[in-house]
Amino acid sequence: MGVFTLVAQTETPPAYRYVSVEGPVTSVRPATLDGDRRPMARRYLGVELGDRFVESGAEGEENEVFTMRPERWRTVDYTKLPGGF
């Protein structure tokens, strides 16, 4: 099925930090509105704004959920250095 990498980072000094994870794809399935998209939108935007974001999406828009088995992790956190970045 392939391999993918996911990265999350903060680029603003002195808080530069990131984490990446890489691994093989173990499954792919269609995303559902209430099972996948709405919970993710609410997690990052809060209930009200998350619901508005989801409802503003295009009808018939196709999204997929990729599941992976993490095999490699990389992290950097310059906020832990004495004196910062």
Protein backbone atom coordinates (compact mmCIF):
# COMPACT_ATOMS: atom_id res chain seq x y z
CA MET A 1 0.00 0.00 0.00
CA GLY A 2 2.91 2.38 0.43
CA VAL A 3 4.54 4.49 3.14
CA PHE A 4 3.78 8.00 4.36
CA THR A 5 5.25 10.58 6.70
CA LEU A 6 3.32 12.96 8.92
CA VAL A 7 4.98 16.13 10.29
CA ALA A 8 3.80 18.71 12.83
CA GLN A 9 5.96 21.75 13.52
CA THR A 10 6.21 25.18 15.07
CA GLU A 11 8.58 27.46 13.14
CA THR A 12 8.55 30.65 15.19
CA PRO A 13 11.80 31.20 17.14
CA PRO A 14 12.51 30.58 19.91
CA ALA A 15 9.85 27.86 19.96
CA TYR A 16 11.06 25.89 16.92
CA ARG A 17 10.13 22.25 17.32
CA TYR A 18 8.79 19.40 15.28
CA VAL A 19 7.83 15.76 15.34
CA SER A 20 7.63 13.43 12.36
CA VAL A 21 6.43 9.86 12.13
CA GLU A 22 6.87 7.50 9.20
CA GLY A 23 5.51 4.06 8.47
CA PRO A 24 3.63 1.79 6.11
CA VAL A 25 -0.01 2.40 5.27
CA THR A 26 -2.10 -0.37 6.85
CA SER A 27 -5.54 0.67 5.58
CA VAL A 28 -7.38 3.25 3.49
CA ARG A 29 -11.10 3.91 3.79
CA PRO A 30 -13.58 6.66 2.93
CA ALA A 31 -13.89 9.37 5.60
CA THR A 32 -17.29 9.97 7.13
CA LEU A 33 -18.70 13.34 8.12
CA ASP A 34 -19.68 12.56 11.71
CA GLY A 35 -17.12 9.82 12.37
CA ASP A 36 -14.02 11.57 11.03
CA ARG A 37 -14.35 15.10 9.65
CA ARG A 38 -16.52 16.69 12.35
CA PRO A 39 -14.51 15.33 15.33
CA MET A 40 -11.24 16.51 13.77
CA ALA A 41 -12.63 19.97 12.99
CA ARG A 42 -13.98 20.29 16.54
CA ARG A 43 -10.67 19.20 18.03
CA TYR A 44 -8.74 21.98 16.33
CA LEU A 45 -11.39 24.70 15.97
CA GLY A 46 -13.80 24.11 18.85
CA VAL A 47 -17.41 22.95 18.55
CA GLU A 48 -19.01 26.05 17.00
CA LEU A 49 -16.30 26.93 14.49
CA GLY A 50 -15.61 23.25 13.76
CA ASP A 51 -19.25 22.64 12.86
CA ARG A 52 -19.31 25.75 10.67
CA PHE A 53 -16.14 24.61 8.91
CA VAL A 54 -17.54 21.14 8.21
CA GLU A 55 -20.91 22.46 7.05
CA SER A 56 -19.22 24.89 4.63
CA GLY A 57 -17.51 21.98 2.83
CA ALA A 58 -18.46 21.10 -0.72
CA GLU A 59 -21.15 18.45 -1.13
CA GLY A 60 -19.83 15.26 -2.64
CA GLU A 61 -16.28 16.09 -1.59
CA GLU A 62 -14.34 12.85 -1.21
CA ASN A 63 -11.97 12.38 1.72
CA GLU A 64 -10.06 9.31 2.84
CA VAL A 65 -8.63 8.09 6.13
CA PHE A 66 -5.15 6.58 5.96
CA THR A 67 -4.03 4.41 8.86
CA MET A 68 -0.32 3.70 9.36
CA ARG A 69 1.93 1.61 11.55
CA PRO A 70 4.54 4.02 13.00
CA GLU A 71 8.10 2.76 12.53
CA ARG A 72 10.30 5.87 12.71
CA TRP A 73 9.91 8.93 14.96
CA ARG A 74 12.02 12.07 14.80
CA THR A 75 11.73 15.01 17.16
CA VAL A 76 13.45 18.34 17.74
CA ASP A 77 12.60 20.82 20.50
CA TYR A 78 14.88 23.85 20.68
CA THR A 79 12.82 25.33 23.51
CA LYS A 80 14.66 22.95 25.84
CA LEU A 81 18.09 24.39 25.00
CA PRO A 82 19.64 26.72 27.58
CA GLY A 83 18.98 30.24 26.33
CA GLY A 84 16.54 29.07 23.66
CA PHE A 85 17.02 29.02 19.90
